[in-house]
Amino acid sequence: MTPTRRPRPFRASSPQANAAGINGANRLGGNSLSDLIVFGKRAGEYAAIFAQENAHGTLDKGQIEQAARAALEPFEREGGENPYAIQHDLQEMMQANVGIVRTRRDDRGS
């Protein structure tokens, strides 16, 4: 210990948990931005090299259209539950019951 530093009181959690953000998220969350920058840059560089060194593939427009129709089908069908309404209800429930800051009373309902 140096003369300019005073002992710190005991902490029940690790320093990583204390520095991870407002809701005490896991310690890996604090590294995510730097990970994205470093590994995203590397992935982009190697993807560019791969694209320059390899032939381009061909696209089957019929296959693309079929995949697009299949992806959009739940949103265009008649009858059944409306996926937008389900998403809205889920969002409302999560906002009301599972927020970042909760009280003991809130924990019983979620």
PDB file of N, CA and C in Angstrom:
ATOM      1  N   MET A   1       0.847  -1.165   0.000  1.00  0.00           N
ATOM      2  CA  MET A   1       0.000   0.000   0.000  1.00  0.00           C
ATOM      3  C   MET A   1       0.898   1.235   0.000  1.00  0.00           C
ATOM      4  N   THR A   2       0.580   2.213  -0.841  1.00  0.00           N
ATOM      5  CA  THR A   2       1.360   3.448  -0.877  1.00  0.00           C
ATOM      6  C   THR A   2       0.788   4.432   0.132  1.00  0.00           C
ATOM      7  N   PRO A   3       1.579   5.405   0.564  1.00  0.00           N
ATOM      8  CA  PRO A   3       1.101   6.369   1.561  1.00  0.00           C
ATOM      9  C   PRO A   3      -0.105   7.190   1.079  1.00  0.00           C
ATOM     10  N   THR A   4      -0.273   7.347  -0.223  1.00  0.00           N
ATOM     11  CA  THR A   4      -1.379   8.169  -0.718  1.00  0.00           C
ATOM     12  C   THR A   4      -2.691   7.401  -0.812  1.00  0.00           C
ATOM     13  N   ARG A   5      -2.653   6.104  -0.655  1.00  0.00           N
ATOM     14  CA  ARG A   5      -3.877   5.299  -0.775  1.00  0.00           C
ATOM     15  C   ARG A   5      -4.324   4.820   0.600  1.00  0.00           C
ATOM     16  N   ARG A   6      -5.601   4.907   0.822  1.00  0.00           N
ATOM     17  CA  ARG A   6      -6.164   4.417   2.078  1.00  0.00           C
ATOM     18  C   ARG A   6      -6.839   3.079   1.821  1.00  0.00           C
ATOM     19  N   PRO A   7      -6.916   2.219   2.824  1.00  0.00           N
ATOM     20  CA  PRO A   7      -7.591   0.945   2.633  1.00  0.00           C
ATOM     21  C   PRO A   7      -9.071   1.169   2.297  1.00  0.00           C
ATOM     22  N   ARG A   8      -9.589   0.328   1.457  1.00  0.00           N
ATOM     23  CA  ARG A   8     -10.998   0.431   1.071  1.00  0.00           C
ATOM     24  C   ARG A   8     -11.820  -0.509   1.943  1.00  0.00           C
ATOM     25  N   PRO A   9     -13.055  -0.139   2.208  1.00  0.00           N
ATOM     26  CA  PRO A   9     -13.899  -1.037   3.005  1.00  0.00           C
ATOM     27  C   PRO A   9     -14.226  -2.301   2.226  1.00  0.00           C
ATOM     28  N   PHE A  10     -14.559  -3.343   2.964  1.00  0.00           N
ATOM     29  CA  PHE A  10     -14.914  -4.624   2.347  1.00  0.00           C
ATOM     30  C   PHE A  10     -16.110  -4.454   1.422  1.00  0.00           C
ATOM     31  N   ARG A  11     -16.053  -5.102   0.267  1.00  0.00           N
ATOM     32  CA  ARG A  11     -17.175  -5.107  -0.670  1.00  0.00           C
ATOM     33  C   ARG A  11     -17.653  -6.529  -0.849  1.00  0.00           C
ATOM     34  N   ALA A  12     -18.968  -6.686  -0.923  1.00  0.00           N
ATOM     35  CA  ALA A  12     -19.536  -8.025  -1.065  1.00  0.00           C
ATOM     36  C   ALA A  12     -19.483  -8.523  -2.493  1.00  0.00           C
ATOM     37  N   SER A  13     -19.286  -7.632  -3.456  1.00  0.00           N
ATOM     38  CA  SER A  13     -19.237  -8.053  -4.856  1.00  0.00           C
ATOM     39  C   SER A  13     -17.870  -7.743  -5.432  1.00  0.00           C
ATOM     40  N   SER A  14     -17.606  -8.334  -6.577  1.00  0.00           N
ATOM     41  CA  SER A  14     -16.317  -8.109  -7.218  1.00  0.00           C
ATOM     42  C   SER A  14     -16.275  -6.722  -7.839  1.00  0.00           C
ATOM     43  N   PRO A  15     -15.092  -6.161  -8.073  1.00  0.00           N
ATOM     44  CA  PRO A  15     -15.002  -4.852  -8.721  1.00  0.00           C
ATOM     45  C   PRO A  15     -15.639  -4.840 -10.109  1.00  0.00           C
ATOM     46  N   GLN A  16     -15.570  -5.976 -10.821  1.00  0.00           N
ATOM     47  CA  GLN A  16     -16.169  -6.028 -12.151  1.00  0.00           C
ATOM     48  C   GLN A  16     -17.674  -5.808 -12.070  1.00  0.00           C
ATOM     49  N   ALA A  17     -18.325  -6.383 -11.084  1.00  0.00           N
ATOM     50  CA  ALA A  17     -19.782  -6.235 -10.960  1.00  0.00           C
ATOM     51  C   ALA A  17     -20.142  -4.799 -10.617  1.00  0.00           C
ATOM     52  N   ASN A  18     -19.303  -4.137  -9.836  1.00  0.00           N
ATOM     53  CA  ASN A  18     -19.599  -2.756  -9.460  1.00  0.00           C
ATOM     54  C   ASN A  18     -19.408  -1.796 -10.617  1.00  0.00           C
ATOM     55  N   ALA A  19     -18.555  -2.121 -11.541  1.00  0.00           N
ATOM     56  CA  ALA A  19     -18.238  -1.203 -12.635  1.00  0.00           C
ATOM     57  C   ALA A  19     -18.998  -1.527 -13.912  1.00  0.00           C
ATOM     58  N   ALA A  20     -19.924  -2.478 -13.863  1.00  0.00           N
ATOM     59  CA  ALA A  20     -20.556  -2.954 -15.089  1.00  0.00           C
ATOM     60  C   ALA A  20     -21.784  -2.164 -15.505  1.00  0.00           C
ATOM     61  N   GLY A  21     -22.217  -1.208 -14.735  1.00  0.00           N
ATOM     62  CA  GLY A  21     -23.344  -0.406 -15.168  1.00  0.00           C
ATOM     63  C   GLY A  21     -24.413  -0.276 -14.112  1.00  0.00           C
ATOM     64  N   ILE A  22     -25.466   0.426 -14.488  1.00  0.00           N
ATOM     65  CA  ILE A  22     -26.520   0.799 -13.553  1.00  0.00           C
ATOM     66  C   ILE A  22     -27.212  -0.397 -12.926  1.00  0.00           C
ATOM     67  N   ASN A  23     -27.379  -1.490 -13.661  1.00  0.00           N
ATOM     68  CA  ASN A  23     -28.149  -2.610 -13.141  1.00  0.00           C
ATOM     69  C   ASN A  23     -27.284  -3.771 -12.679  1.00  0.00           C
ATOM     70  N   GLY A  24     -25.964  -3.566 -12.509  1.00  0.00           N
ATOM     71  CA  GLY A  24     -25.095  -4.624 -12.036  1.00  0.00           C
ATOM     72  C   GLY A  24     -25.016  -5.792 -12.998  1.00  0.00           C
ATOM     73  N   ALA A  25     -25.047  -5.500 -14.273  1.00  0.00           N
ATOM     74  CA  ALA A  25     -24.997  -6.553 -15.286  1.00  0.00           C
ATOM     75  C   ALA A  25     -23.690  -7.311 -15.169  1.00  0.00           C
ATOM     76  N   ASN A  26     -23.602  -8.439 -15.833  1.00  0.00           N
ATOM     77  CA  ASN A  26     -22.385  -9.228 -15.685  1.00  0.00           C
ATOM     78  C   ASN A  26     -21.177  -8.454 -16.218  1.00  0.00           C
ATOM     79  N   ARG A  27     -20.029  -8.853 -15.772  1.00  0.00           N
ATOM     80  CA  ARG A  27     -18.817  -8.084 -16.054  1.00  0.00           C
ATOM     81  C   ARG A  27     -18.440  -8.060 -17.522  1.00  0.00           C
ATOM     82  N   LEU A  28     -18.928  -9.016 -18.305  1.00  0.00           N
ATOM     83  CA  LEU A  28     -18.599  -9.037 -19.723  1.00  0.00           C
ATOM     84  C   LEU A  28     -19.259  -7.895 -20.472  1.00  0.00           C
ATOM     85  N   GLY A  29     -20.351  -7.364 -19.954  1.00  0.00           N
ATOM     86  CA  GLY A  29     -21.053  -6.276 -20.619  1.00  0.00           C
ATOM     87  C   GLY A  29     -20.192  -5.038 -20.790  1.00  0.00           C
ATOM     88  N   GLY A  30     -19.268  -4.795 -19.865  1.00  0.00           N
ATOM     89  CA  GLY A  30     -18.417  -3.624 -19.952  1.00  0.00           C
ATOM     90  C   GLY A  30     -17.402  -3.700 -21.075  1.00  0.00           C
ATOM     91  N   ASN A  31     -17.130  -4.896 -21.561  1.00  0.00           N
ATOM     92  CA  ASN A  31     -16.141  -5.076 -22.612  1.00  0.00           C
ATOM     93  C   ASN A  31     -16.760  -5.126 -24.004  1.00  0.00           C
ATOM     94  N   SER A  32     -18.069  -5.117 -24.091  1.00  0.00           N
ATOM     95  CA  SER A  32     -18.708  -5.410 -25.372  1.00  0.00           C
ATOM     96  C   SER A  32     -18.383  -4.381 -26.450  1.00  0.00           C
ATOM     97  N   LEU A  33     -18.312  -3.095 -26.097  1.00  0.00           N
ATOM     98  CA  LEU A  33     -18.030  -2.089 -27.116  1.00  0.00           C
ATOM     99  C   LEU A  33     -16.629  -2.260 -27.691  1.00  0.00           C
ATOM    100  N   SER A  34     -15.640  -2.447 -26.829  1.00  0.00           N
ATOM    101  CA  SER A  34     -14.273  -2.631 -27.341  1.00  0.00           C
ATOM    102  C   SER A  34     -14.155  -3.940 -28.122  1.00  0.00           C
ATOM    103  N   ASP A  35     -14.866  -4.988 -27.669  1.00  0.00           N
ATOM    104  CA  ASP A  35     -14.862  -6.242 -28.429  1.00  0.00           C
ATOM    105  C   ASP A  35     -15.439  -6.035 -29.824  1.00  0.00           C
ATOM    106  N   LEU A  36     -16.547  -5.318 -29.912  1.00  0.00           N
ATOM    107  CA  LEU A  36     -17.160  -5.060 -31.211  1.00  0.00           C
ATOM    108  C   LEU A  36     -16.218  -4.299 -32.134  1.00  0.00           C
ATOM    109  N   ILE A  37     -15.532  -3.316 -31.590  1.00  0.00           N
ATOM    110  CA  ILE A  37     -14.626  -2.509 -32.419  1.00  0.00           C
ATOM    111  C   ILE A  37     -13.451  -3.353 -32.901  1.00  0.00           C
ATOM    112  N   VAL A  38     -12.789  -4.044 -31.976  1.00  0.00           N
ATOM    113  CA  VAL A  38     -11.599  -4.821 -32.338  1.00  0.00           C
ATOM    114  C   VAL A  38     -11.941  -5.975 -33.264  1.00  0.00           C
ATOM    115  N   PHE A  39     -12.886  -6.816 -32.840  1.00  0.00           N
ATOM    116  CA  PHE A  39     -13.178  -8.005 -33.624  1.00  0.00           C
ATOM    117  C   PHE A  39     -13.998  -7.688 -34.868  1.00  0.00           C
ATOM    118  N   GLY A  40     -14.808  -6.637 -34.821  1.00  0.00           N
ATOM    119  CA  GLY A  40     -15.527  -6.204 -36.017  1.00  0.00           C
ATOM    120  C   GLY A  40     -14.571  -5.719 -37.090  1.00  0.00           C
ATOM    121  N   LYS A  41     -13.551  -4.981 -36.677  1.00  0.00           N
ATOM    122  CA  LYS A  41     -12.531  -4.494 -37.628  1.00  0.00           C
ATOM    123  C   LYS A  41     -11.803  -5.680 -38.257  1.00  0.00           C
ATOM    124  N   ARG A  42     -11.391  -6.621 -37.422  1.00  0.00           N
ATOM    125  CA  ARG A  42     -10.673  -7.789 -37.940  1.00  0.00           C
ATOM    126  C   ARG A  42     -11.557  -8.609 -38.876  1.00  0.00           C
ATOM    127  N   ALA A  43     -12.803  -8.822 -38.490  1.00  0.00           N
ATOM    128  CA  ALA A  43     -13.706  -9.612 -39.327  1.00  0.00           C
ATOM    129  C   ALA A  43     -13.935  -8.913 -40.658  1.00  0.00           C
ATOM    130  N   GLY A  44     -14.105  -7.594 -40.629  1.00  0.00           N
ATOM    131  CA  GLY A  44     -14.310  -6.851 -41.869  1.00  0.00           C
ATOM    132  C   GLY A  44     -13.105  -6.912 -42.784  1.00  0.00           C
ATOM    133  N   GLU A  45     -11.914  -6.790 -42.213  1.00  0.00           N
ATOM    134  CA  GLU A  45     -10.699  -6.852 -43.028  1.00  0.00           C
ATOM    135  C   GLU A  45     -10.560  -8.218 -43.706  1.00  0.00           C
ATOM    136  N   TYR A  46     -10.770  -9.292 -42.944  1.00  0.00           N
ATOM    137  CA  TYR A  46     -10.620 -10.629 -43.517  1.00  0.00           C
ATOM    138  C   TYR A  46     -11.758 -10.958 -44.479  1.00  0.00           C
ATOM    139  N   ALA A  47     -12.954 -10.431 -44.245  1.00  0.00           N
ATOM    140  CA  ALA A  47     -14.057 -10.640 -45.195  1.00  0.00           C
ATOM    141  C   ALA A  47     -13.736  -9.955 -46.516  1.00  0.00           C
ATOM    142  N   ALA A  48     -13.130  -8.761 -46.450  1.00  0.00           N
ATOM    143  CA  ALA A  48     -12.762  -8.054 -47.684  1.00  0.00           C
ATOM    144  C   ALA A  48     -11.694  -8.827 -48.455  1.00  0.00           C
ATOM    145  N   ILE A  49     -10.703  -9.362 -47.763  1.00  0.00           N
ATOM    146  CA  ILE A  49      -9.656 -10.160 -48.423  1.00  0.00           C
ATOM    147  C   ILE A  49     -10.270 -11.399 -49.060  1.00  0.00           C
ATOM    148  N   PHE A  50     -11.153 -12.085 -48.327  1.00  0.00           N
ATOM    149  CA  PHE A  50     -11.805 -13.279 -48.856  1.00  0.00           C
ATOM    150  C   PHE A  50     -12.609 -12.949 -50.113  1.00  0.00           C
ATOM    151  N   ALA A  51     -13.346 -11.841 -50.079  1.00  0.00           N
ATOM    152  CA  ALA A  51     -14.175 -11.455 -51.226  1.00  0.00           C
ATOM    153  C   ALA A  51     -13.319 -11.132 -52.443  1.00  0.00           C
ATOM    154  N   GLN A  52     -12.154 -10.525 -52.228  1.00  0.00           N
ATOM    155  CA  GLN A  52     -11.281 -10.180 -53.346  1.00  0.00           C
ATOM    156  C   GLN A  52     -10.615 -11.421 -53.944  1.00  0.00           C
ATOM    157  N   GLU A  53     -10.370 -12.431 -53.118  1.00  0.00           N
ATOM    158  CA  GLU A  53      -9.652 -13.614 -53.574  1.00  0.00           C
ATOM    159  C   GLU A  53     -10.562 -14.708 -54.119  1.00  0.00           C
ATOM    160  N   ASN A  54     -11.863 -14.609 -53.941  1.00  0.00           N
ATOM    161  CA  ASN A  54     -12.783 -15.677 -54.336  1.00  0.00           C
ATOM    162  C   ASN A  54     -13.825 -15.161 -55.311  1.00  0.00           C
ATOM    163  N   ALA A  55     -14.330 -16.081 -56.121  1.00  0.00           N
ATOM    164  CA  ALA A  55     -15.350 -15.721 -57.100  1.00  0.00           C
ATOM    165  C   ALA A  55     -16.668 -15.426 -56.391  1.00  0.00           C
ATOM    166  N   HIS A  56     -17.427 -14.557 -57.006  1.00  0.00           N
ATOM    167  CA  HIS A  56     -18.735 -14.212 -56.465  1.00  0.00           C
ATOM    168  C   HIS A  56     -19.726 -15.314 -56.808  1.00  0.00           C
ATOM    169  N   GLY A  57     -20.650 -15.577 -55.901  1.00  0.00           N
ATOM    170  CA  GLY A  57     -21.673 -16.581 -56.131  1.00  0.00           C
ATOM    171  C   GLY A  57     -22.807 -16.004 -56.955  1.00  0.00           C
ATOM    172  N   THR A  58     -23.745 -16.857 -57.289  1.00  0.00           N
ATOM    173  CA  THR A  58     -24.927 -16.416 -58.021  1.00  0.00           C
ATOM    174  C   THR A  58     -26.130 -16.492 -57.094  1.00  0.00           C
ATOM    175  N   LEU A  59     -27.096 -15.648 -57.363  1.00  0.00           N
ATOM    176  CA  LEU A  59     -28.301 -15.611 -56.553  1.00  0.00           C
ATOM    177  C   LEU A  59     -29.467 -16.189 -57.327  1.00  0.00           C
ATOM    178  N   ASP A  60     -30.240 -17.014 -56.676  1.00  0.00           N
ATOM    179  CA  ASP A  60     -31.445 -17.572 -57.263  1.00  0.00           C
ATOM    180  C   ASP A  60     -32.606 -16.691 -56.817  1.00  0.00           C
ATOM    181  N   LYS A  61     -33.121 -15.859 -57.728  1.00  0.00           N
ATOM    182  CA  LYS A  61     -34.173 -14.910 -57.361  1.00  0.00           C
ATOM    183  C   LYS A  61     -35.430 -15.615 -56.875  1.00  0.00           C
ATOM    184  N   GLY A  62     -35.753 -16.772 -57.434  1.00  0.00           N
ATOM    185  CA  GLY A  62     -36.917 -17.525 -56.977  1.00  0.00           C
ATOM    186  C   GLY A  62     -36.773 -17.965 -55.536  1.00  0.00           C
ATOM    187  N   GLN A  63     -35.579 -18.407 -55.166  1.00  0.00           N
ATOM    188  CA  GLN A  63     -35.319 -18.837 -53.790  1.00  0.00           C
ATOM    189  C   GLN A  63     -35.399 -17.645 -52.832  1.00  0.00           C
ATOM    190  N   ILE A  64     -34.910 -16.490 -53.258  1.00  0.00           N
ATOM    191  CA  ILE A  64     -34.970 -15.285 -52.434  1.00  0.00           C
ATOM    192  C   ILE A  64     -36.423 -14.868 -52.210  1.00  0.00           C
ATOM    193  N   GLU A  65     -37.217 -14.875 -53.281  1.00  0.00           N
ATOM    194  CA  GLU A  65     -38.624 -14.502 -53.163  1.00  0.00           C
ATOM    195  C   GLU A  65     -39.381 -15.479 -52.265  1.00  0.00           C
ATOM    196  N   GLN A  66     -39.092 -16.754 -52.369  1.00  0.00           N
ATOM    197  CA  GLN A  66     -39.747 -17.754 -51.535  1.00  0.00           C
ATOM    198  C   GLN A  66     -39.406 -17.532 -50.055  1.00  0.00           C
ATOM    199  N   ALA A  67     -38.149 -17.262 -49.752  1.00  0.00           N
ATOM    200  CA  ALA A  67     -37.737 -17.026 -48.371  1.00  0.00           C
ATOM    201  C   ALA A  67     -38.385 -15.747 -47.824  1.00  0.00           C
ATOM    202  N   ALA A  68     -38.485 -14.707 -48.660  1.00  0.00           N
ATOM    203  CA  ALA A  68     -39.119 -13.458 -48.227  1.00  0.00           C
ATOM    204  C   ALA A  68     -40.602 -13.679 -47.937  1.00  0.00           C
ATOM    205  N   ARG A  69     -41.291 -14.435 -48.793  1.00  0.00           N
ATOM    206  CA  ARG A  69     -42.717 -14.728 -48.561  1.00  0.00           C
ATOM    207  C   ARG A  69     -42.899 -15.509 -47.258  1.00  0.00           C
ATOM    208  N   ALA A  70     -42.045 -16.500 -47.027  1.00  0.00           N
ATOM    209  CA  ALA A  70     -42.146 -17.311 -45.805  1.00  0.00           C
ATOM    210  C   ALA A  70     -41.903 -16.468 -44.556  1.00  0.00           C
ATOM    211  N   ALA A  71     -40.981 -15.513 -44.648  1.00  0.00           N
ATOM    212  CA  ALA A  71     -40.674 -14.664 -43.492  1.00  0.00           C
ATOM    213  C   ALA A  71     -41.815 -13.690 -43.187  1.00  0.00           C
ATOM    214  N   LEU A  72     -42.501 -13.222 -44.220  1.00  0.00           N
ATOM    215  CA  LEU A  72     -43.560 -12.236 -44.039  1.00  0.00           C
ATOM    216  C   LEU A  72     -44.934 -12.850 -43.812  1.00  0.00           C
ATOM    217  N   GLU A  73     -45.082 -14.135 -44.076  1.00  0.00           N
ATOM    218  CA  GLU A  73     -46.388 -14.793 -43.990  1.00  0.00           C
ATOM    219  C   GLU A  73     -47.104 -14.597 -42.656  1.00  0.00           C
ATOM    220  N   PRO A  74     -46.431 -14.724 -41.515  1.00  0.00           N
ATOM    221  CA  PRO A  74     -47.147 -14.545 -40.240  1.00  0.00           C
ATOM    222  C   PRO A  74     -47.761 -13.147 -40.089  1.00  0.00           C
ATOM    223  N   PHE A  75     -47.210 -12.163 -40.753  1.00  0.00           N
ATOM    224  CA  PHE A  75     -47.702 -10.796 -40.625  1.00  0.00           C
ATOM    225  C   PHE A  75     -48.830 -10.477 -41.606  1.00  0.00           C
ATOM    226  N   GLU A  76     -49.057 -11.350 -42.572  1.00  0.00           N
ATOM    227  CA  GLU A  76     -50.043 -11.077 -43.605  1.00  0.00           C
ATOM    228  C   GLU A  76     -51.241 -12.018 -43.570  1.00  0.00           C
ATOM    229  N   ARG A  77     -51.218 -13.039 -42.742  1.00  0.00           N
ATOM    230  CA  ARG A  77     -52.308 -14.018 -42.738  1.00  0.00           C
ATOM    231  C   ARG A  77     -53.569 -13.434 -42.105  1.00  0.00           C
ATOM    232  N   GLU A  78     -54.689 -13.985 -42.499  1.00  0.00           N
ATOM    233  CA  GLU A  78     -55.982 -13.600 -41.939  1.00  0.00           C
ATOM    234  C   GLU A  78     -56.287 -14.528 -40.772  1.00  0.00           C
ATOM    235  N   GLY A  79     -56.895 -13.977 -39.747  1.00  0.00           N
ATOM    236  CA  GLY A  79     -57.273 -14.772 -38.587  1.00  0.00           C
ATOM    237  C   GLY A  79     -56.092 -15.044 -37.678  1.00  0.00           C
ATOM    238  N   GLY A  80     -56.360 -15.681 -36.564  1.00  0.00           N
ATOM    239  CA  GLY A  80     -55.302 -15.975 -35.607  1.00  0.00           C
ATOM    240  C   GLY A  80     -54.883 -14.733 -34.837  1.00  0.00           C
ATOM    241  N   GLU A  81     -53.891 -14.892 -34.028  1.00  0.00           N
ATOM    242  CA  GLU A  81     -53.403 -13.772 -33.223  1.00  0.00           C
ATOM    243  C   GLU A  81     -52.588 -12.818 -34.075  1.00  0.00           C
ATOM    244  N   ASN A  82     -52.734 -11.551 -33.788  1.00  0.00           N
ATOM    245  CA  ASN A  82     -51.976 -10.518 -34.480  1.00  0.00           C
ATOM    246  C   ASN A  82     -50.582 -10.446 -33.852  1.00  0.00           C
ATOM    247  N   PRO A  83     -49.509 -10.712 -34.610  1.00  0.00           N
ATOM    248  CA  PRO A  83     -48.163 -10.694 -34.016  1.00  0.00           C
ATOM    249  C   PRO A  83     -47.774  -9.329 -33.470  1.00  0.00           C
ATOM    250  N   TYR A  84     -48.291  -8.257 -34.063  1.00  0.00           N
ATOM    251  CA  TYR A  84     -47.989  -6.921 -33.546  1.00  0.00           C
ATOM    252  C   TYR A  84     -48.637  -6.708 -32.183  1.00  0.00           C
ATOM    253  N   ALA A  85     -49.856  -7.230 -32.011  1.00  0.00           N
ATOM    254  CA  ALA A  85     -50.537  -7.115 -30.719  1.00  0.00           C
ATOM    255  C   ALA A  85     -49.812  -7.932 -29.655  1.00  0.00           C
ATOM    256  N   ILE A  86     -49.336  -9.119 -30.026  1.00  0.00           N
ATOM    257  CA  ILE A  86     -48.579  -9.948 -29.085  1.00  0.00           C
ATOM    258  C   ILE A  86     -47.314  -9.220 -28.649  1.00  0.00           C
ATOM    259  N   GLN A  87     -46.604  -8.644 -29.606  1.00  0.00           N
ATOM    260  CA  GLN A  87     -45.372  -7.913 -29.287  1.00  0.00           C
ATOM    261  C   GLN A  87     -45.678  -6.727 -28.380  1.00  0.00           C
ATOM    262  N   HIS A  88     -46.748  -6.014 -28.651  1.00  0.00           N
ATOM    263  CA  HIS A  88     -47.128  -4.851 -27.834  1.00  0.00           C
ATOM    264  C   HIS A  88     -47.464  -5.287 -26.411  1.00  0.00           C
ATOM    265  N   ASP A  89     -48.258  -6.361 -26.263  1.00  0.00           N
ATOM    266  CA  ASP A  89     -48.619  -6.857 -24.938  1.00  0.00           C
ATOM    267  C   ASP A  89     -47.385  -7.299 -24.163  1.00  0.00           C
ATOM    268  N   LEU A  90     -46.478  -7.990 -24.827  1.00  0.00           N
ATOM    269  CA  LEU A  90     -45.250  -8.437 -24.176  1.00  0.00           C
ATOM    270  C   LEU A  90     -44.410  -7.243 -23.725  1.00  0.00           C
ATOM    271  N   GLN A  91     -44.307  -6.243 -24.586  1.00  0.00           N
ATOM    272  CA  GLN A  91     -43.540  -5.045 -24.244  1.00  0.00           C
ATOM    273  C   GLN A  91     -44.146  -4.340 -23.029  1.00  0.00           C
ATOM    274  N   GLU A  92     -45.468  -4.215 -23.003  1.00  0.00           N
ATOM    275  CA  GLU A  92     -46.139  -3.575 -21.868  1.00  0.00           C
ATOM    276  C   GLU A  92     -45.897  -4.357 -20.574  1.00  0.00           C
ATOM    277  N   MET A  93     -46.023  -5.691 -20.630  1.00  0.00           N
ATOM    278  CA  MET A  93     -45.819  -6.509 -19.452  1.00  0.00           C
ATOM    279  C   MET A  93     -44.380  -6.393 -18.941  1.00  0.00           C
ATOM    280  N   MET A  94     -43.418  -6.443 -19.850  1.00  0.00           N
ATOM    281  CA  MET A  94     -42.011  -6.336 -19.453  1.00  0.00           C
ATOM    282  C   MET A  94     -41.718  -4.966 -18.843  1.00  0.00           C
ATOM    283  N   GLN A  95     -42.280  -3.920 -19.432  1.00  0.00           N
ATOM    284  CA  GLN A  95     -42.061  -2.572 -18.912  1.00  0.00           C
ATOM    285  C   GLN A  95     -42.650  -2.433 -17.511  1.00  0.00           C
ATOM    286  N   ALA A  96     -43.825  -3.012 -17.290  1.00  0.00           N
ATOM    287  CA  ALA A  96     -44.498  -2.889 -16.000  1.00  0.00           C
ATOM    288  C   ALA A  96     -43.886  -3.769 -14.916  1.00  0.00           C
ATOM    289  N   ASN A  97     -43.391  -4.952 -15.291  1.00  0.00           N
ATOM    290  CA  ASN A  97     -43.003  -5.938 -14.276  1.00  0.00           C
ATOM    291  C   ASN A  97     -41.532  -6.299 -14.209  1.00  0.00           C
ATOM    292  N   VAL A  98     -40.756  -6.007 -15.224  1.00  0.00           N
ATOM    293  CA  VAL A  98     -39.381  -6.491 -15.248  1.00  0.00           C
ATOM    294  C   VAL A  98     -38.419  -5.362 -15.618  1.00  0.00           C
ATOM    295  N   GLY A  99     -38.583  -4.226 -14.995  1.00  0.00           N
ATOM    296  CA  GLY A  99     -37.702  -3.099 -15.267  1.00  0.00           C
ATOM    297  C   GLY A  99     -36.347  -3.262 -14.610  1.00  0.00           C
ATOM    298  N   ILE A 100     -35.453  -2.340 -14.867  1.00  0.00           N
ATOM    299  CA  ILE A 100     -34.114  -2.385 -14.281  1.00  0.00           C
ATOM    300  C   ILE A 100     -34.191  -2.211 -12.772  1.00  0.00           C
ATOM    301  N   VAL A 101     -34.994  -1.256 -12.326  1.00  0.00           N
ATOM    302  CA  VAL A 101     -35.144  -0.993 -10.897  1.00  0.00           C
ATOM    303  C   VAL A 101     -36.454  -1.620 -10.443  1.00  0.00           C
ATOM    304  N   ARG A 102     -36.365  -2.553  -9.490  1.00  0.00           N
ATOM    305  CA  ARG A 102     -37.557  -3.231  -8.984  1.00  0.00           C
ATOM    306  C   ARG A 102     -37.573  -3.179  -7.468  1.00  0.00           C
ATOM    307  N   THR A 103     -38.737  -3.278  -6.924  1.00  0.00           N
ATOM    308  CA  THR A 103     -38.885  -3.380  -5.481  1.00  0.00           C
ATOM    309  C   THR A 103     -39.206  -4.823  -5.137  1.00  0.00           C
ATOM    310  N   ARG A 104     -39.169  -5.143  -3.861  1.00  0.00           N
ATOM    311  CA  ARG A 104     -39.488  -6.506  -3.437  1.00  0.00           C
ATOM    312  C   ARG A 104     -40.899  -6.874  -3.864  1.00  0.00           C
ATOM    313  N   ARG A 105     -41.822  -5.916  -3.806  1.00  0.00           N
ATOM    314  CA  ARG A 105     -43.210  -6.137  -4.234  1.00  0.00           C
ATOM    315  C   ARG A 105     -43.257  -6.502  -5.706  1.00  0.00           C
ATOM    316  N   ASP A 106     -42.463  -5.827  -6.544  1.00  0.00           N
ATOM    317  CA  ASP A 106     -42.440  -6.105  -7.980  1.00  0.00           C
ATOM    318  C   ASP A 106     -41.935  -7.506  -8.289  1.00  0.00           C
ATOM    319  N   ASP A 107     -40.992  -8.013  -7.499  1.00  0.00           N
ATOM    320  CA  ASP A 107     -40.397  -9.322  -7.766  1.00  0.00           C
ATOM    321  C   ASP A 107     -41.394 -10.461  -7.602  1.00  0.00           C
ATOM    322  N   ARG A 108     -42.411 -10.280  -6.776  1.00  0.00           N
ATOM    323  CA  ARG A 108     -43.392 -11.343  -6.571  1.00  0.00           C
ATOM    324  C   ARG A 108     -44.244 -11.567  -7.818  1.00  0.00           C
ATOM    325  N   GLY A 109     -44.452 -10.525  -8.624  1.00  0.00           N
ATOM    326  CA  GLY A 109     -45.328 -10.667  -9.771  1.00  0.00           C
ATOM    327  C   GLY A 109     -44.636 -11.103 -11.048  1.00  0.00           C
ATOM    328  N   SER A 110     -43.319 -11.103 -11.084  1.00  0.00           N
ATOM    329  CA  SER A 110     -42.633 -11.419 -12.342  1.00  0.00           C
ATOM    330  C   SER A 110     -41.872 -12.706 -12.289  1.00  0.00           C
TER     331      SER A 110
END
